[in-house]
PDB file of N, CA and C in Angstrom:
ATOM      1  N   MET A   1      12.777  31.393  -3.967  1.00  0.00           N
ATOM      2  CA  MET A   1      12.936  30.460  -5.071  1.00  0.00           C
ATOM      3  C   MET A   1      13.210  29.047  -4.558  1.00  0.00           C
ATOM      4  N   VAL A   2      13.935  28.953  -3.432  1.00  0.00           N
ATOM      5  CA  VAL A   2      14.226  27.634  -2.872  1.00  0.00           C
ATOM      6  C   VAL A   2      12.939  26.970  -2.398  1.00  0.00           C
ATOM      7  N   ASN A   3      12.012  27.774  -1.826  1.00  0.00           N
ATOM      8  CA  ASN A   3      10.730  27.217  -1.374  1.00  0.00           C
ATOM      9  C   ASN A   3       9.935  26.662  -2.546  1.00  0.00           C
ATOM     10  N   LEU A   4       9.999  27.333  -3.684  1.00  0.00           N
ATOM     11  CA  LEU A   4       9.300  26.854  -4.869  1.00  0.00           C
ATOM     12  C   LEU A   4       9.832  25.492  -5.292  1.00  0.00           C
ATOM     13  N   ILE A   5      11.135  25.347  -5.289  1.00  0.00           N
ATOM     14  CA  ILE A   5      11.741  24.070  -5.683  1.00  0.00           C
ATOM     15  C   ILE A   5      11.353  22.970  -4.699  1.00  0.00           C
ATOM     16  N   LYS A   6      11.300  23.293  -3.396  1.00  0.00           N
ATOM     17  CA  LYS A   6      10.883  22.300  -2.403  1.00  0.00           C
ATOM     18  C   LYS A   6       9.431  21.891  -2.607  1.00  0.00           C
ATOM     19  N   GLU A   7       8.572  22.872  -2.879  1.00  0.00           N
ATOM     20  CA  GLU A   7       7.158  22.566  -3.106  1.00  0.00           C
ATOM     21  C   GLU A   7       6.972  21.710  -4.356  1.00  0.00           C
ATOM     22  N   ILE A   8       7.678  22.053  -5.423  1.00  0.00           N
ATOM     23  CA  ILE A   8       7.593  21.255  -6.649  1.00  0.00           C
ATOM     24  C   ILE A   8       8.088  19.842  -6.394  1.00  0.00           C
ATOM     25  N   SER A   9       9.157  19.720  -5.628  1.00  0.00           N
ATOM     26  CA  SER A   9       9.695  18.403  -5.303  1.00  0.00           C
ATOM     27  C   SER A   9       8.681  17.576  -4.518  1.00  0.00           C
ATOM     28  N   LYS A  10       7.989  18.193  -3.554  1.00  0.00           N
ATOM     29  CA  LYS A  10       6.970  17.489  -2.778  1.00  0.00           C
ATOM     30  C   LYS A  10       5.833  17.011  -3.670  1.00  0.00           C
ATOM     31  N   LYS A  11       5.387  17.877  -4.577  1.00  0.00           N
ATOM     32  CA  LYS A  11       4.280  17.519  -5.467  1.00  0.00           C
ATOM     33  C   LYS A  11       4.683  16.379  -6.398  1.00  0.00           C
ATOM     34  N   ILE A  12       5.901  16.426  -6.898  1.00  0.00           N
ATOM     35  CA  ILE A  12       6.368  15.361  -7.795  1.00  0.00           C
ATOM     36  C   ILE A  12       6.494  14.049  -7.033  1.00  0.00           C
ATOM     37  N   ASN A  13       6.983  14.105  -5.789  1.00  0.00           N
ATOM     38  CA  ASN A  13       7.074  12.887  -4.983  1.00  0.00           C
ATOM     39  C   ASN A  13       5.698  12.283  -4.734  1.00  0.00           C
ATOM     40  N   GLY A  14       4.707  13.125  -4.461  1.00  0.00           N
ATOM     41  CA  GLY A  14       3.344  12.627  -4.279  1.00  0.00           C
ATOM     42  C   GLY A  14       2.809  11.974  -5.535  1.00  0.00           C
ATOM     43  N   LEU A  15       3.096  12.584  -6.679  1.00  0.00           N
ATOM     44  CA  LEU A  15       2.666  12.019  -7.951  1.00  0.00           C
ATOM     45  C   LEU A  15       3.355  10.680  -8.218  1.00  0.00           C
ATOM     46  N   ILE A  16       4.628  10.589  -7.894  1.00  0.00           N
ATOM     47  CA  ILE A  16       5.372   9.335  -8.082  1.00  0.00           C
ATOM     48  C   ILE A  16       4.757   8.226  -7.236  1.00  0.00           C
ATOM     49  N   TRP A  17       4.463   8.516  -5.966  1.00  0.00           N
ATOM     50  CA  TRP A  17       3.882   7.491  -5.098  1.00  0.00           C
ATOM     51  C   TRP A  17       2.499   7.078  -5.561  1.00  0.00           C
ATOM     52  N   SER A  18       1.721   8.027  -6.065  1.00  0.00           N
ATOM     53  CA  SER A  18       0.393   7.650  -6.551  1.00  0.00           C
ATOM     54  C   SER A  18       0.495   6.777  -7.796  1.00  0.00           C
ATOM     55  N   LEU A  19       1.455   7.057  -8.660  1.00  0.00           N
ATOM     56  CA  LEU A  19       1.634   6.217  -9.845  1.00  0.00           C
ATOM     57  C   LEU A  19       2.116   4.817  -9.466  1.00  0.00           C
ATOM     58  N   ILE A  20       2.995   4.723  -8.478  1.00  0.00           N
ATOM     59  CA  ILE A  20       3.467   3.413  -8.024  1.00  0.00           C
ATOM     60  C   ILE A  20       2.317   2.611  -7.433  1.00  0.00           C
ATOM     61  N   SER A  21       1.501   3.237  -6.588  1.00  0.00           N
ATOM     62  CA  SER A  21       0.387   2.509  -5.986  1.00  0.00           C
ATOM     63  C   SER A  21      -0.645   2.118  -7.043  1.00  0.00           C
ATOM     64  N   THR A  22      -0.879   2.987  -8.020  1.00  0.00           N
ATOM     65  CA  THR A  22      -1.804   2.661  -9.103  1.00  0.00           C
ATOM     66  C   THR A  22      -1.274   1.481  -9.913  1.00  0.00           C
ATOM     67  N   GLY A  23       0.018   1.466 -10.173  1.00  0.00           N
ATOM     68  CA  GLY A  23       0.622   0.346 -10.893  1.00  0.00           C
ATOM     69  C   GLY A  23       0.476  -0.966 -10.140  1.00  0.00           C
ATOM     70  N   ALA A  24       0.639  -0.919  -8.825  1.00  0.00           N
ATOM     71  CA  ALA A  24       0.484  -2.135  -8.022  1.00  0.00           C
ATOM     72  C   ALA A  24      -0.964  -2.633  -8.060  1.00  0.00           C
ATOM     73  N   ILE A  25      -1.908  -1.703  -7.980  1.00  0.00           N
ATOM     74  CA  ILE A  25      -3.323  -2.086  -8.049  1.00  0.00           C
ATOM     75  C   ILE A  25      -3.642  -2.685  -9.411  1.00  0.00           C
ATOM     76  N   LEU A  26      -3.126  -2.075 -10.470  1.00  0.00           N
ATOM     77  CA  LEU A  26      -3.360  -2.623 -11.808  1.00  0.00           C
ATOM     78  C   LEU A  26      -2.738  -4.002 -11.965  1.00  0.00           C
ATOM     79  N   LEU A  27      -1.593  -4.226 -11.369  1.00  0.00           N
ATOM     80  CA  LEU A  27      -0.960  -5.539 -11.422  1.00  0.00           C
ATOM     81  C   LEU A  27      -1.838  -6.588 -10.735  1.00  0.00           C
ATOM     82  N   LEU A  28      -2.369  -6.249  -9.555  1.00  0.00           N
ATOM     83  CA  LEU A  28      -3.257  -7.179  -8.866  1.00  0.00           C
ATOM     84  C   LEU A  28      -4.526  -7.433  -9.672  1.00  0.00           C
ATOM     85  N   MET A  29      -5.061  -6.402 -10.284  1.00  0.00           N
ATOM     86  CA  MET A  29      -6.249  -6.586 -11.109  1.00  0.00           C
ATOM     87  C   MET A  29      -5.944  -7.457 -12.322  1.00  0.00           C
ATOM     88  N   GLY A  30      -4.777  -7.289 -12.913  1.00  0.00           N
ATOM     89  CA  GLY A  30      -4.393  -8.121 -14.048  1.00  0.00           C
ATOM     90  C   GLY A  30      -4.315  -9.589 -13.674  1.00  0.00           C
ATOM     91  N   ILE A  31      -3.851  -9.870 -12.473  1.00  0.00           N
ATOM     92  CA  ILE A  31      -3.795 -11.254 -12.002  1.00  0.00           C
ATOM     93  C   ILE A  31      -5.205 -11.802 -11.797  1.00  0.00           C
ATOM     94  N   LEU A  32      -6.101 -10.977 -11.265  1.00  0.00           N
ATOM     95  CA  LEU A  32      -7.477 -11.433 -11.022  1.00  0.00           C
ATOM     96  C   LEU A  32      -8.260 -11.656 -12.304  1.00  0.00           C
ATOM     97  N   ILE A  33      -7.896 -10.991 -13.376  1.00  0.00           N
ATOM     98  CA  ILE A  33      -8.631 -11.109 -14.643  1.00  0.00           C
ATOM     99  C   ILE A  33      -8.625 -12.541 -15.167  1.00  0.00           C
ATOM    100  N   VAL A  34      -7.551 -13.268 -14.967  1.00  0.00           N
ATOM    101  CA  VAL A  34      -7.426 -14.582 -15.581  1.00  0.00           C
ATOM    102  C   VAL A  34      -8.305 -15.651 -14.939  1.00  0.00           C
ATOM    103  N   TRP A  35      -8.971 -15.393 -13.814  1.00  0.00           N
ATOM    104  CA  TRP A  35      -9.704 -16.455 -13.137  1.00  0.00           C
ATOM    105  C   TRP A  35     -11.134 -16.635 -13.602  1.00  0.00           C
ATOM    106  N   THR A  36     -11.984 -15.633 -13.500  1.00  0.00           N
ATOM    107  CA  THR A  36     -13.398 -15.845 -13.823  1.00  0.00           C
ATOM    108  C   THR A  36     -13.950 -14.700 -14.657  1.00  0.00           C
ATOM    109  N   ASP A  37     -15.115 -14.975 -15.280  1.00  0.00           N
ATOM    110  CA  ASP A  37     -15.781 -13.934 -16.059  1.00  0.00           C
ATOM    111  C   ASP A  37     -16.304 -12.818 -15.156  1.00  0.00           C
ATOM    112  N   PHE A  38     -16.807 -13.187 -13.973  1.00  0.00           N
ATOM    113  CA  PHE A  38     -17.279 -12.167 -13.042  1.00  0.00           C
ATOM    114  C   PHE A  38     -16.139 -11.248 -12.637  1.00  0.00           C
ATOM    115  N   MET A  39     -15.000 -11.851 -12.354  1.00  0.00           N
ATOM    116  CA  MET A  39     -13.832 -11.038 -11.977  1.00  0.00           C
ATOM    117  C   MET A  39     -13.429 -10.130 -13.129  1.00  0.00           C
ATOM    118  N   LEU A  40     -13.559 -10.625 -14.355  1.00  0.00           N
ATOM    119  CA  LEU A  40     -13.217  -9.807 -15.511  1.00  0.00           C
ATOM    120  C   LEU A  40     -14.101  -8.568 -15.569  1.00  0.00           C
ATOM    121  N   ARG A  41     -15.400  -8.752 -15.395  1.00  0.00           N
ATOM    122  CA  ARG A  41     -16.304  -7.596 -15.412  1.00  0.00           C
ATOM    123  C   ARG A  41     -16.033  -6.658 -14.247  1.00  0.00           C
ATOM    124  N   LEU A  42     -15.788  -7.234 -13.091  1.00  0.00           N
ATOM    125  CA  LEU A  42     -15.492  -6.427 -11.906  1.00  0.00           C
ATOM    126  C   LEU A  42     -14.209  -5.625 -12.101  1.00  0.00           C
ATOM    127  N   VAL A  43     -13.197  -6.266 -12.620  1.00  0.00           N
ATOM    128  CA  VAL A  43     -11.910  -5.602 -12.798  1.00  0.00           C
ATOM    129  C   VAL A  43     -11.996  -4.517 -13.871  1.00  0.00           C
ATOM    130  N   ILE A  44     -12.730  -4.775 -14.934  1.00  0.00           N
ATOM    131  CA  ILE A  44     -12.876  -3.753 -15.970  1.00  0.00           C
ATOM    132  C   ILE A  44     -13.607  -2.533 -15.399  1.00  0.00           C
ATOM    133  N   GLY A  45     -14.634  -2.760 -14.606  1.00  0.00           N
ATOM    134  CA  GLY A  45     -15.331  -1.649 -13.960  1.00  0.00           C
ATOM    135  C   GLY A  45     -14.421  -0.873 -13.023  1.00  0.00           C
ATOM    136  N   LEU A  46     -13.640  -1.597 -12.235  1.00  0.00           N
ATOM    137  CA  LEU A  46     -12.700  -0.931 -11.336  1.00  0.00           C
ATOM    138  C   LEU A  46     -11.613  -0.191 -12.111  1.00  0.00           C
ATOM    139  N   PHE A  47     -11.213  -0.760 -13.236  1.00  0.00           N
ATOM    140  CA  PHE A  47     -10.201  -0.109 -14.069  1.00  0.00           C
ATOM    141  C   PHE A  47     -10.713   1.233 -14.602  1.00  0.00           C
ATOM    142  N   VAL A  48     -11.962   1.261 -15.029  1.00  0.00           N
ATOM    143  CA  VAL A  48     -12.549   2.516 -15.514  1.00  0.00           C
ATOM    144  C   VAL A  48     -12.591   3.542 -14.386  1.00  0.00           C
ATOM    145  N   LEU A  49     -13.006   3.098 -13.189  1.00  0.00           N
ATOM    146  CA  LEU A  49     -13.014   4.006 -12.043  1.00  0.00           C
ATOM    147  C   LEU A  49     -11.606   4.475 -11.685  1.00  0.00           C
ATOM    148  N   LEU A  50     -10.644   3.592 -11.798  1.00  0.00           N
ATOM    149  CA  LEU A  50      -9.261   3.942 -11.493  1.00  0.00           C
ATOM    150  C   LEU A  50      -8.708   4.957 -12.480  1.00  0.00           C
ATOM    151  N   ILE A  51      -9.006   4.794 -13.745  1.00  0.00           N
ATOM    152  CA  ILE A  51      -8.567   5.758 -14.757  1.00  0.00           C
ATOM    153  C   ILE A  51      -9.200   7.120 -14.489  1.00  0.00           C
ATOM    154  N   ALA A  52     -10.483   7.137 -14.124  1.00  0.00           N
ATOM    155  CA  ALA A  52     -11.149   8.397 -13.797  1.00  0.00           C
ATOM    156  C   ALA A  52     -10.477   9.058 -12.602  1.00  0.00           C
ATOM    157  N   TRP A  53     -10.141   8.269 -11.571  1.00  0.00           N
ATOM    158  CA  TRP A  53      -9.469   8.798 -10.395  1.00  0.00           C
ATOM    159  C   TRP A  53      -8.094   9.364 -10.757  1.00  0.00           C
ATOM    160  N   ILE A  54      -7.362   8.676 -11.629  1.00  0.00           N
ATOM    161  CA  ILE A  54      -6.037   9.153 -12.041  1.00  0.00           C
ATOM    162  C   ILE A  54      -6.148  10.512 -12.721  1.00  0.00           C
ATOM    163  N   PHE A  55      -7.128  10.665 -13.610  1.00  0.00           N
ATOM    164  CA  PHE A  55      -7.290  11.947 -14.291  1.00  0.00           C
ATOM    165  C   PHE A  55      -7.672  13.056 -13.307  1.00  0.00           C
ATOM    166  N   LEU A  56      -8.594  12.764 -12.396  1.00  0.00           N
ATOM    167  CA  LEU A  56      -8.991  13.768 -11.413  1.00  0.00           C
ATOM    168  C   LEU A  56      -7.830  14.144 -10.497  1.00  0.00           C
ATOM    169  N   TYR A  57      -7.102  13.158 -10.020  1.00  0.00           N
ATOM    170  CA  TYR A  57      -5.981  13.403  -9.126  1.00  0.00           C
ATOM    171  C   TYR A  57      -4.861  14.154  -9.847  1.00  0.00           C
ATOM    172  N   GLY A  58      -4.571  13.760 -11.080  1.00  0.00           N
ATOM    173  CA  GLY A  58      -3.539  14.451 -11.862  1.00  0.00           C
ATOM    174  C   GLY A  58      -3.909  15.900 -12.129  1.00  0.00           C
ATOM    175  N   GLY A  59      -5.189  16.140 -12.451  1.00  0.00           N
ATOM    176  CA  GLY A  59      -5.644  17.506 -12.654  1.00  0.00           C
ATOM    177  C   GLY A  59      -5.526  18.332 -11.394  1.00  0.00           C
ATOM    178  N   TYR A  60      -5.882  17.731 -10.257  1.00  0.00           N
ATOM    179  CA  TYR A  60      -5.773  18.444  -8.983  1.00  0.00           C
ATOM    180  C   TYR A  60      -4.316  18.770  -8.667  1.00  0.00           C
ATOM    181  N   LYS A  61      -3.415  17.818  -8.859  1.00  0.00           N
ATOM    182  CA  LYS A  61      -1.999  18.049  -8.573  1.00  0.00           C
ATOM    183  C   LYS A  61      -1.418  19.142  -9.479  1.00  0.00           C
ATOM    184  N   LEU A  62      -1.781  19.111 -10.746  1.00  0.00           N
ATOM    185  CA  LEU A  62      -1.302  20.160 -11.657  1.00  0.00           C
ATOM    186  C   LEU A  62      -1.855  21.517 -11.261  1.00  0.00           C
ATOM    187  N   TRP A  63      -3.119  21.566 -10.833  1.00  0.00           N
ATOM    188  CA  TRP A  63      -3.722  22.823 -10.410  1.00  0.00           C
ATOM    189  C   TRP A  63      -3.007  23.376  -9.179  1.00  0.00           C
ATOM    190  N   THR A  64      -2.712  22.497  -8.183  1.00  0.00           N
ATOM    191  CA  THR A  64      -2.013  22.978  -6.992  1.00  0.00           C
ATOM    192  C   THR A  64      -0.595  23.415  -7.328  1.00  0.00           C
ATOM    193  N   LEU A  65       0.053  22.717  -8.239  1.00  0.00           N
ATOM    194  CA  LEU A  65       1.397  23.109  -8.659  1.00  0.00           C
ATOM    195  C   LEU A  65       1.370  24.473  -9.343  1.00  0.00           C
ATOM    196  N   LYS A  66       0.348  24.713 -10.143  1.00  0.00           N
ATOM    197  CA  LYS A  66       0.190  26.008 -10.808  1.00  0.00           C
ATOM    198  C   LYS A  66      -0.017  27.117  -9.789  1.00  0.00           C
ATOM    199  N   LYS A  67      -0.854  26.853  -8.787  1.00  0.00           N
ATOM    200  CA  LYS A  67      -1.103  27.851  -7.743  1.00  0.00           C
ATOM    201  C   LYS A  67       0.173  28.162  -6.960  1.00  0.00           C
ATOM    202  N   GLU A  68       0.960  27.151  -6.639  1.00  0.00           N
ATOM    203  CA  GLU A  68       2.220  27.366  -5.924  1.00  0.00           C
ATOM    204  C   GLU A  68       3.187  28.181  -6.770  1.00  0.00           C
ATOM    205  N   ALA A  69       3.271  27.871  -8.049  1.00  0.00           N
ATOM    206  CA  ALA A  69       4.170  28.609  -8.937  1.00  0.00           C
ATOM    207  C   ALA A  69       3.739  30.066  -9.046  1.00  0.00           C
ATOM    208  N   GLU A  70       2.425  30.297  -9.145  1.00  0.00           N
ATOM    209  CA  GLU A  70       1.934  31.674  -9.220  1.00  0.00           C
ATOM    210  C   GLU A  70       2.216  32.421  -7.921  1.00  0.00           C
ATOM    211  N   LYS A  71       2.112  31.733  -6.799  1.00  0.00           N
ATOM    212  CA  LYS A  71       2.354  32.365  -5.511  1.00  0.00           C
ATOM    213  C   LYS A  71       3.822  32.783  -5.357  1.00  0.00           C
ATOM    214  N   TYR A  72       4.738  31.895  -5.728  1.00  0.00           N
ATOM    215  CA  TYR A  72       6.153  32.178  -5.541  1.00  0.00           C
ATOM    216  C   TYR A  72       6.722  33.096  -6.627  1.00  0.00           C
ATOM    217  N   LEU A  73       6.193  32.993  -7.826  1.00  0.00           N
ATOM    218  CA  LEU A  73       6.703  33.832  -8.902  1.00  0.00           C
ATOM    219  C   LEU A  73       5.894  35.119  -9.066  1.00  0.00           C
ATOM    220  N   LYS A  74       4.818  35.237  -8.277  1.00  0.00           N
ATOM    221  CA  LYS A  74       3.957  36.419  -8.275  1.00  0.00           C
ATOM    222  C   LYS A  74       3.467  36.765  -9.696  1.00  0.00           C
ATOM    223  N   LEU A  75       2.910  35.745 -10.355  1.00  0.00           N
ATOM    224  CA  LEU A  75       2.413  35.924 -11.703  1.00  0.00           C
ATOM    225  C   LEU A  75       1.055  36.624 -11.721  1.00  0.00           C
ATOM    226  N   LYS A  76       0.291  36.502 -10.641  1.00  0.00           N
ATOM    227  CA  LYS A  76      -1.030  37.153 -10.594  1.00  0.00           C
ATOM    228  C   LYS A  76      -1.106  38.057  -9.408  1.00  0.00           C
TER     229      LYS A  76
END
């Protein structure tokens, strides 16, 4: 049970760091938006790609967390 808690803690820490880095990238993109129309289009495109990456990464992290929980709790 202690290993499960450690694994969950590691996964949550990884998720926290990814959210922090995503927030920093969004902040930089927000600053770039105010300069030019080209930058606006570029940033909006990157924002869409970033949102897609967040969903894929979040789904992957939840899937690995589910697998770890099933392994330690012997659900399957």
